[in-house]
């Protein structure tokens, strides 16, 4: 009986370790590098990290605890389409601006941070029209800087 209990305990412990390792791998966040560029929007200079690859799009601003003043992330896509963002592993509230192929702002939305790492029902934030760019900034940035639909951004050389 005692031997059976030891084997059962060892089996359960091994199972727990294996499950933890699997769970860690499935939610593992890679260290993704981003190029930094400067843009202007409504005469405001912004430093953006540029997300162009699928891996960069997927990673975005995950696990960031803050963003510096007038810093954000610019997502660049190969074509115009309805874009859909969510806040998986995102710890800060963000504002997102969707831009068309001409870099004209076509939609603004406020996105809420995850409330718990266990949260599974994450809302999505689809663009209201086809977009080629998306700019994530700190919550309320667009309002504070009086940036409205119809505004355009430019890359600074």
N, C-alpha and C. Protein backbone atom coordinates (compact mmCIF):
# COMPACT_ATOMS: atom_id res chain seq x y z
N UNK A 1 0.82 -1.19 0.00
CA UNK A 1 0.00 0.00 0.00
C UNK A 1 0.87 1.26 0.00
N UNK A 2 1.91 1.28 0.83
CA UNK A 2 2.80 2.43 0.92
C UNK A 2 3.55 2.65 -0.40
N UNK A 3 3.96 1.58 -1.05
CA UNK A 3 4.66 1.67 -2.34
C UNK A 3 3.73 2.26 -3.41
N UNK A 4 2.47 1.81 -3.40
CA UNK A 4 1.49 2.32 -4.37
C UNK A 4 1.28 3.83 -4.15
N UNK A 5 1.23 4.26 -2.90
CA UNK A 5 1.05 5.68 -2.59
C UNK A 5 2.24 6.50 -3.08
N UNK A 6 3.47 5.97 -2.91
CA UNK A 6 4.67 6.66 -3.40
C UNK A 6 4.64 6.80 -4.92
N UNK A 7 4.25 5.70 -5.61
CA UNK A 7 4.17 5.75 -7.07
C UNK A 7 3.10 6.74 -7.54
N UNK A 8 1.98 6.74 -6.87
CA UNK A 8 0.89 7.66 -7.22
C UNK A 8 1.32 9.11 -7.00
N UNK A 9 2.00 9.37 -5.90
CA UNK A 9 2.50 10.71 -5.60
C UNK A 9 3.52 11.14 -6.66
N UNK A 10 4.45 10.25 -6.99
CA UNK A 10 5.46 10.56 -8.00
C UNK A 10 4.81 10.83 -9.36
N UNK A 11 3.80 10.03 -9.72
CA UNK A 11 3.10 10.21 -10.98
C UNK A 11 2.39 11.57 -11.02
N UNK A 12 1.69 11.90 -9.95
CA UNK A 12 0.96 13.17 -9.88
C UNK A 12 1.92 14.36 -9.95
N UNK A 13 3.05 14.26 -9.25
CA UNK A 13 4.04 15.32 -9.28
C UNK A 13 4.61 15.49 -10.69
N UNK A 14 4.92 14.39 -11.35
CA UNK A 14 5.44 14.44 -12.72
C UNK A 14 4.42 15.06 -13.67
N UNK A 15 3.16 14.68 -13.49
CA UNK A 15 2.09 15.21 -14.32
C UNK A 15 1.95 16.73 -14.12
N UNK A 16 2.03 17.17 -12.88
CA UNK A 16 1.94 18.61 -12.59
C UNK A 16 3.09 19.38 -13.24
N UNK A 17 4.29 18.84 -13.14
CA UNK A 17 5.46 19.48 -13.73
C UNK A 17 5.32 19.55 -15.25
N UNK A 18 4.88 18.46 -15.86
CA UNK A 18 4.69 18.44 -17.32
C UNK A 18 3.63 19.44 -17.75
N UNK A 19 2.53 19.52 -17.00
CA UNK A 19 1.46 20.46 -17.35
C UNK A 19 1.95 21.90 -17.22
N UNK A 20 2.73 22.18 -16.18
CA UNK A 20 3.26 23.53 -15.99
C UNK A 20 4.21 23.90 -17.13
N UNK A 21 5.05 22.97 -17.53
CA UNK A 21 5.98 23.23 -18.63
C UNK A 21 5.22 23.49 -19.92
N UNK A 22 4.17 22.72 -20.19
CA UNK A 22 3.36 22.91 -21.39
C UNK A 22 2.65 24.26 -21.34
N UNK A 23 2.07 24.60 -20.21
CA UNK A 23 1.36 25.87 -20.08
C UNK A 23 2.32 27.04 -20.27
N UNK A 24 3.52 26.93 -19.73
CA UNK A 24 4.50 28.00 -19.87
C UNK A 24 4.88 28.19 -21.33
N UNK A 25 5.08 27.10 -22.07
CA UNK A 25 5.45 27.19 -23.48
C UNK A 25 4.34 27.77 -24.32
N UNK A 26 3.09 27.40 -24.04
CA UNK A 26 1.99 27.85 -24.88
C UNK A 26 1.72 29.34 -24.73
N UNK A 27 2.03 29.93 -23.58
CA UNK A 27 1.81 31.36 -23.37
C UNK A 27 3.12 32.14 -23.33
N UNK A 28 4.21 31.49 -23.72
CA UNK A 28 5.51 32.13 -23.68
C UNK A 28 5.54 33.32 -24.63
N UNK A 29 6.06 34.42 -24.17
CA UNK A 29 6.17 35.62 -24.99
C UNK A 29 7.63 35.77 -25.39
N UNK A 30 7.87 35.77 -26.69
CA UNK A 30 9.23 35.89 -27.20
C UNK A 30 9.71 37.33 -27.10
N UNK A 31 11.02 37.47 -27.07
CA UNK A 31 11.63 38.80 -27.10
C UNK A 31 11.74 39.20 -28.57
N UNK A 32 10.85 40.07 -29.00
CA UNK A 32 10.79 40.50 -30.40
C UNK A 32 11.40 41.90 -30.51
N UNK A 33 12.23 42.10 -31.51
CA UNK A 33 12.88 43.40 -31.73
C UNK A 33 12.07 44.23 -32.72
N UNK A 34 12.05 45.54 -32.50
CA UNK A 34 11.33 46.48 -33.36
C UNK A 34 12.26 47.62 -33.77
N UNK A 35 12.16 48.03 -35.03
CA UNK A 35 12.87 49.21 -35.50
C UNK A 35 12.11 50.44 -34.99
N UNK A 36 12.84 51.49 -34.68
CA UNK A 36 12.23 52.73 -34.21
C UNK A 36 12.29 53.78 -35.32
N UNK A 37 11.16 54.48 -35.51
CA UNK A 37 11.09 55.56 -36.50
C UNK A 37 10.36 56.75 -35.88
N UNK A 38 10.46 57.88 -36.56
CA UNK A 38 9.75 59.10 -36.14
C UNK A 38 8.65 59.39 -37.15
N UNK A 39 7.49 59.79 -36.63
CA UNK A 39 6.41 60.25 -37.48
C UNK A 39 5.88 61.56 -36.91
N UNK A 40 5.13 62.29 -37.73
CA UNK A 40 4.41 63.46 -37.23
C UNK A 40 2.93 63.24 -37.50
N UNK A 41 2.12 63.67 -36.55
CA UNK A 41 0.67 63.58 -36.65
C UNK A 41 0.11 64.84 -36.01
N UNK A 42 -0.59 65.66 -36.79
CA UNK A 42 -1.09 66.96 -36.29
C UNK A 42 0.04 67.80 -35.70
N UNK A 43 1.16 67.85 -36.39
CA UNK A 43 2.34 68.62 -35.99
C UNK A 43 2.98 68.12 -34.70
N UNK A 44 2.56 66.96 -34.25
CA UNK A 44 3.12 66.35 -33.03
C UNK A 44 4.15 65.30 -33.44
N UNK A 45 5.36 65.38 -32.90
CA UNK A 45 6.39 64.38 -33.18
C UNK A 45 6.18 63.16 -32.30
N UNK A 46 6.21 62.00 -32.92
CA UNK A 46 5.97 60.74 -32.20
C UNK A 46 7.09 59.77 -32.55
N UNK A 47 7.60 59.09 -31.55
CA UNK A 47 8.55 58.00 -31.76
C UNK A 47 7.76 56.70 -31.75
N UNK A 48 7.89 55.92 -32.83
CA UNK A 48 7.14 54.67 -32.91
C UNK A 48 8.07 53.48 -33.09
N UNK A 49 7.70 52.39 -32.47
CA UNK A 49 8.30 51.11 -32.78
C UNK A 49 7.47 50.55 -33.93
N UNK A 50 8.12 50.06 -34.97
CA UNK A 50 7.42 49.63 -36.18
C UNK A 50 7.25 48.12 -36.17
N UNK A 51 6.00 47.69 -36.31
CA UNK A 51 5.66 46.26 -36.40
C UNK A 51 5.22 45.97 -37.83
N UNK A 52 6.07 45.24 -38.58
CA UNK A 52 5.76 44.93 -39.98
C UNK A 52 5.60 43.44 -40.24
N UNK A 53 6.27 42.60 -39.47
CA UNK A 53 6.20 41.15 -39.71
C UNK A 53 5.04 40.55 -38.92
N UNK A 54 4.65 39.34 -39.31
CA UNK A 54 3.58 38.65 -38.58
C UNK A 54 3.95 38.49 -37.11
N UNK A 55 5.21 38.13 -36.86
CA UNK A 55 5.67 37.94 -35.47
C UNK A 55 5.57 39.26 -34.69
N UNK A 56 5.98 40.35 -35.30
CA UNK A 56 5.88 41.65 -34.65
C UNK A 56 4.43 42.06 -34.44
N UNK A 57 3.58 41.81 -35.44
CA UNK A 57 2.14 42.12 -35.29
C UNK A 57 1.55 41.36 -34.11
N UNK A 58 1.91 40.08 -34.01
CA UNK A 58 1.38 39.22 -32.95
C UNK A 58 1.85 39.68 -31.56
N UNK A 59 3.08 40.11 -31.46
CA UNK A 59 3.67 40.48 -30.17
C UNK A 59 3.21 41.86 -29.70
N UNK A 60 3.26 42.83 -30.60
CA UNK A 60 2.81 44.18 -30.27
C UNK A 60 3.37 44.71 -28.97
N UNK A 61 2.52 45.29 -28.15
CA UNK A 61 2.94 45.90 -26.88
C UNK A 61 2.71 44.98 -25.68
N UNK A 62 2.74 43.67 -25.91
CA UNK A 62 2.54 42.71 -24.82
C UNK A 62 3.52 42.97 -23.68
N UNK A 63 3.01 42.84 -22.48
CA UNK A 63 3.78 42.88 -21.23
C UNK A 63 4.44 44.23 -20.93
N UNK A 64 4.14 45.27 -21.69
CA UNK A 64 4.67 46.60 -21.38
C UNK A 64 3.91 47.15 -20.18
N UNK A 65 4.64 47.75 -19.27
CA UNK A 65 4.01 48.34 -18.10
C UNK A 65 3.73 49.82 -18.30
N UNK A 66 4.35 50.40 -19.32
CA UNK A 66 4.13 51.81 -19.61
C UNK A 66 4.66 52.12 -21.01
N UNK A 67 4.31 53.30 -21.48
CA UNK A 67 4.87 53.85 -22.72
C UNK A 67 5.38 55.25 -22.39
N UNK A 68 6.52 55.60 -22.95
CA UNK A 68 7.05 56.94 -22.74
C UNK A 68 6.14 57.96 -23.42
N UNK A 69 6.24 59.20 -22.98
CA UNK A 69 5.41 60.27 -23.56
C UNK A 69 5.67 60.37 -25.06
N UNK A 70 4.59 60.44 -25.82
CA UNK A 70 4.63 60.56 -27.28
C UNK A 70 5.38 59.41 -27.96
N UNK A 71 5.27 58.23 -27.36
CA UNK A 71 5.80 56.99 -27.95
C UNK A 71 4.63 56.04 -28.19
N UNK A 72 4.77 55.23 -29.23
CA UNK A 72 3.72 54.26 -29.53
C UNK A 72 4.24 53.16 -30.43
N UNK A 73 3.31 52.39 -30.97
CA UNK A 73 3.67 51.32 -31.90
C UNK A 73 2.85 51.49 -33.16
N UNK A 74 3.55 51.49 -34.30
CA UNK A 74 2.90 51.61 -35.60
C UNK A 74 2.92 50.25 -36.29
N UNK A 75 1.74 49.73 -36.55
CA UNK A 75 1.60 48.47 -37.27
C UNK A 75 1.43 48.79 -38.75
N UNK A 76 2.27 48.19 -39.58
CA UNK A 76 2.19 48.40 -41.03
C UNK A 76 1.81 47.08 -41.68
N UNK A 77 0.78 47.13 -42.50
CA UNK A 77 0.30 45.93 -43.20
C UNK A 77 0.56 46.08 -44.69
N UNK A 78 0.55 44.96 -45.40
CA UNK A 78 0.86 44.95 -46.83
C UNK A 78 -0.27 45.50 -47.69
N UNK A 79 -1.48 45.50 -47.15
CA UNK A 79 -2.63 45.97 -47.92
C UNK A 79 -3.70 46.51 -46.98
N UNK A 80 -4.71 47.12 -47.57
CA UNK A 80 -5.84 47.61 -46.79
C UNK A 80 -6.82 46.47 -46.56
N UNK A 81 -7.29 46.35 -45.33
CA UNK A 81 -8.28 45.34 -44.97
C UNK A 81 -8.87 45.75 -43.62
N UNK A 82 -9.96 45.10 -43.25
CA UNK A 82 -10.49 45.31 -41.91
C UNK A 82 -9.46 44.71 -40.95
N UNK A 83 -8.98 45.49 -40.01
CA UNK A 83 -7.98 45.04 -39.03
C UNK A 83 -8.67 44.78 -37.71
N UNK A 84 -8.18 43.76 -37.01
CA UNK A 84 -8.79 43.33 -35.76
C UNK A 84 -7.71 43.22 -34.69
N UNK A 85 -7.80 44.00 -33.64
CA UNK A 85 -6.82 43.96 -32.56
C UNK A 85 -7.49 43.46 -31.28
N UNK A 86 -6.68 42.88 -30.40
CA UNK A 86 -7.14 42.49 -29.08
C UNK A 86 -6.01 42.80 -28.10
N UNK A 87 -6.25 42.59 -26.82
CA UNK A 87 -5.30 43.03 -25.80
C UNK A 87 -4.68 41.88 -25.01
N UNK A 88 -4.47 40.74 -25.67
CA UNK A 88 -3.87 39.59 -24.98
C UNK A 88 -2.51 39.99 -24.40
N UNK A 89 -2.32 39.68 -23.12
CA UNK A 89 -1.07 39.96 -22.40
C UNK A 89 -0.68 41.45 -22.43
N UNK A 90 -1.66 42.32 -22.62
CA UNK A 90 -1.39 43.75 -22.62
C UNK A 90 -1.82 44.32 -21.27
N UNK A 91 -0.89 45.01 -20.62
CA UNK A 91 -1.08 45.44 -19.24
C UNK A 91 -1.54 46.88 -19.08
N UNK A 92 -1.53 47.65 -20.17
CA UNK A 92 -1.90 49.06 -20.09
C UNK A 92 -3.04 49.36 -21.08
N UNK A 93 -3.90 50.28 -20.69
CA UNK A 93 -4.96 50.73 -21.60
C UNK A 93 -4.32 51.50 -22.75
N UNK A 94 -4.87 51.32 -23.93
CA UNK A 94 -4.33 51.96 -25.13
C UNK A 94 -5.43 52.61 -25.94
N UNK A 95 -5.04 53.58 -26.73
CA UNK A 95 -5.90 54.14 -27.78
C UNK A 95 -5.31 53.66 -29.10
N UNK A 96 -6.18 53.32 -30.05
CA UNK A 96 -5.70 52.88 -31.36
C UNK A 96 -6.34 53.74 -32.44
N UNK A 97 -5.50 54.13 -33.38
CA UNK A 97 -5.97 54.84 -34.56
C UNK A 97 -5.71 53.98 -35.78
N UNK A 98 -6.73 53.81 -36.60
CA UNK A 98 -6.59 53.06 -37.85
C UNK A 98 -6.46 54.05 -39.00
N UNK A 99 -5.53 53.80 -39.91
CA UNK A 99 -5.24 54.70 -41.03
C UNK A 99 -5.35 53.94 -42.35
N UNK A 100 -5.80 54.64 -43.40
CA UNK A 100 -5.90 54.01 -44.72
C UNK A 100 -4.54 54.05 -45.43
N UNK A 101 -4.52 53.61 -46.68
CA UNK A 101 -3.25 53.52 -47.44
C UNK A 101 -2.60 54.90 -47.64
N UNK A 102 -3.38 55.96 -47.55
CA UNK A 102 -2.84 57.32 -47.69
C UNK A 102 -2.43 57.93 -46.35
N UNK A 103 -2.44 57.10 -45.32
CA UNK A 103 -2.05 57.51 -43.96
C UNK A 103 -3.04 58.49 -43.34
N UNK A 104 -4.30 58.42 -43.79
CA UNK A 104 -5.38 59.26 -43.26
C UNK A 104 -6.09 58.49 -42.15
N UNK A 105 -6.28 59.13 -41.00
CA UNK A 105 -6.95 58.50 -39.86
C UNK A 105 -8.43 58.28 -40.18
N UNK A 106 -8.86 57.02 -40.10
CA UNK A 106 -10.24 56.67 -40.44
C UNK A 106 -11.05 56.17 -39.26
N UNK A 107 -10.39 55.85 -38.14
CA UNK A 107 -11.11 55.30 -36.99
C UNK A 107 -10.25 55.43 -35.74
N UNK A 108 -10.89 55.72 -34.62
CA UNK A 108 -10.24 55.79 -33.30
C UNK A 108 -11.01 54.93 -32.31
N UNK A 109 -10.30 54.19 -31.47
CA UNK A 109 -10.95 53.37 -30.45
C UNK A 109 -10.10 53.33 -29.19
N UNK A 110 -10.76 53.11 -28.06
CA UNK A 110 -10.09 52.92 -26.77
C UNK A 110 -10.09 51.43 -26.46
N UNK A 111 -8.92 50.90 -26.07
CA UNK A 111 -8.79 49.47 -25.79
C UNK A 111 -8.39 49.28 -24.33
N UNK A 112 -9.06 48.39 -23.65
CA UNK A 112 -8.83 48.15 -22.22
C UNK A 112 -7.85 47.00 -22.01
N UNK A 113 -6.95 47.18 -21.04
CA UNK A 113 -5.97 46.15 -20.68
C UNK A 113 -6.67 44.92 -20.12
N UNK A 114 -5.97 43.80 -20.17
CA UNK A 114 -6.49 42.57 -19.56
C UNK A 114 -6.69 42.81 -18.07
N UNK A 115 -7.75 42.25 -17.51
CA UNK A 115 -8.00 42.41 -16.08
C UNK A 115 -7.34 41.30 -15.28
N UNK A 116 -6.99 40.20 -15.95
CA UNK A 116 -6.39 39.06 -15.28
C UNK A 116 -5.69 38.19 -16.31
N UNK A 117 -4.62 37.52 -15.89
CA UNK A 117 -3.95 36.60 -16.81
C UNK A 117 -4.83 35.40 -17.14
N UNK A 118 -5.85 35.19 -16.33
CA UNK A 118 -6.78 34.08 -16.56
C UNK A 118 -7.93 34.49 -17.48
N UNK A 119 -8.00 35.76 -17.84
CA UNK A 119 -9.09 36.25 -18.68
C UNK A 119 -9.05 35.56 -20.04
N UNK A 120 -10.17 34.99 -20.44
CA UNK A 120 -10.23 34.28 -21.71
C UNK A 120 -11.17 34.95 -22.71
N UNK A 121 -12.08 35.74 -22.25
CA UNK A 121 -13.06 36.38 -23.14
C UNK A 121 -12.62 37.80 -23.49
N UNK A 122 -11.54 37.89 -24.24
CA UNK A 122 -11.00 39.20 -24.58
C UNK A 122 -11.81 39.85 -25.70
N UNK A 123 -12.18 41.11 -25.53
CA UNK A 123 -12.89 41.80 -26.62
C UNK A 123 -11.94 42.07 -27.78
N UNK A 124 -12.50 42.23 -28.97
CA UNK A 124 -11.70 42.60 -30.13
C UNK A 124 -12.10 44.01 -30.55
N UNK A 125 -11.20 44.65 -31.25
CA UNK A 125 -11.39 46.04 -31.67
C UNK A 125 -11.16 46.13 -33.18
N UNK A 126 -12.19 45.80 -33.97
CA UNK A 126 -12.03 45.84 -35.43
C UNK A 126 -12.10 47.27 -35.97
N UNK A 127 -11.34 47.51 -37.03
CA UNK A 127 -11.44 48.82 -37.69
C UNK A 127 -12.80 48.92 -38.37
N UNK A 128 -13.33 50.11 -38.42
CA UNK A 128 -14.66 50.32 -39.02
C UNK A 128 -14.60 50.38 -40.55
N UNK A 129 -13.39 50.47 -41.08
CA UNK A 129 -13.18 50.51 -42.53
C UNK A 129 -11.82 49.86 -42.81
N UNK A 130 -11.54 49.50 -44.06
CA UNK A 130 -10.24 48.91 -44.37
C UNK A 130 -9.09 49.85 -43.98
N UNK A 131 -8.08 49.28 -43.35
CA UNK A 131 -6.93 50.05 -42.88
C UNK A 131 -5.63 49.37 -43.29
N UNK A 132 -4.60 50.17 -43.49
CA UNK A 132 -3.27 49.66 -43.82
C UNK A 132 -2.27 49.90 -42.69
N UNK A 133 -2.63 50.82 -41.79
CA UNK A 133 -1.78 51.15 -40.64
C UNK A 133 -2.65 51.20 -39.38
N UNK A 134 -2.02 50.87 -38.26
CA UNK A 134 -2.67 51.05 -36.96
C UNK A 134 -1.62 51.63 -36.01
N UNK A 135 -2.01 52.65 -35.27
CA UNK A 135 -1.11 53.30 -34.33
C UNK A 135 -1.66 53.16 -32.92
N UNK A 136 -0.91 52.45 -32.07
CA UNK A 136 -1.29 52.31 -30.66
C UNK A 136 -0.51 53.32 -29.83
N UNK A 137 -1.25 54.08 -29.02
CA UNK A 137 -0.68 55.09 -28.14
C UNK A 137 -1.28 54.90 -26.75
N UNK A 138 -0.74 55.63 -25.76
CA UNK A 138 -1.31 55.54 -24.42
C UNK A 138 -2.76 55.99 -24.44
N UNK A 139 -3.51 55.49 -23.50
CA UNK A 139 -4.94 55.78 -23.41
C UNK A 139 -5.20 57.29 -23.43
N UNK A 140 -6.08 57.71 -24.32
CA UNK A 140 -6.47 59.11 -24.40
C UNK A 140 -5.54 60.02 -25.18
N UNK A 141 -4.45 59.47 -25.73
CA UNK A 141 -3.46 60.29 -26.41
C UNK A 141 -4.07 61.09 -27.56
N UNK A 142 -4.89 60.45 -28.38
CA UNK A 142 -5.46 61.14 -29.55
C UNK A 142 -6.35 62.31 -29.11
N UNK A 143 -7.18 62.09 -28.10
CA UNK A 143 -8.04 63.17 -27.58
C UNK A 143 -7.20 64.31 -27.00
N UNK A 144 -6.21 63.96 -26.17
CA UNK A 144 -5.38 64.98 -25.53
C UNK A 144 -4.65 65.84 -26.55
N UNK A 145 -4.32 65.24 -27.68
CA UNK A 145 -3.57 65.96 -28.71
C UNK A 145 -4.45 66.45 -29.85
N UNK A 146 -5.77 66.39 -29.63
CA UNK A 146 -6.75 66.90 -30.59
C UNK A 146 -6.57 66.30 -31.99
N UNK A 147 -6.28 65.00 -32.01
CA UNK A 147 -6.15 64.27 -33.27
C UNK A 147 -7.49 63.61 -33.56
N UNK A 148 -8.06 63.92 -34.71
CA UNK A 148 -9.38 63.40 -35.08
C UNK A 148 -9.31 62.72 -36.44
N UNK A 149 -10.37 61.99 -36.78
CA UNK A 149 -10.41 61.36 -38.09
C UNK A 149 -10.21 62.43 -39.16
N UNK A 150 -9.53 62.04 -40.22
CA UNK A 150 -9.17 62.98 -41.29
C UNK A 150 -7.75 63.48 -41.16
N UNK A 151 -7.15 63.35 -39.96
CA UNK A 151 -5.74 63.73 -39.76
C UNK A 151 -4.86 62.72 -40.49
N UNK A 152 -3.67 63.16 -40.89
CA UNK A 152 -2.74 62.26 -41.59
C UNK A 152 -1.39 62.26 -40.88
N UNK A 153 -0.71 61.12 -40.93
CA UNK A 153 0.65 61.08 -40.38
C UNK A 153 1.65 61.03 -41.53
N UNK A 154 2.89 61.44 -41.22
CA UNK A 154 3.99 61.39 -42.18
C UNK A 154 5.21 60.82 -41.48
N UNK A 155 6.02 60.09 -42.23
CA UNK A 155 7.30 59.63 -41.71
C UNK A 155 8.27 60.80 -41.76
N UNK A 156 9.08 60.97 -40.72
CA UNK A 156 10.11 62.00 -40.66
C UNK A 156 11.40 61.37 -41.14
N UNK A 157 12.09 62.07 -42.03
CA UNK A 157 13.34 61.50 -42.58
C UNK A 157 14.53 61.85 -41.74
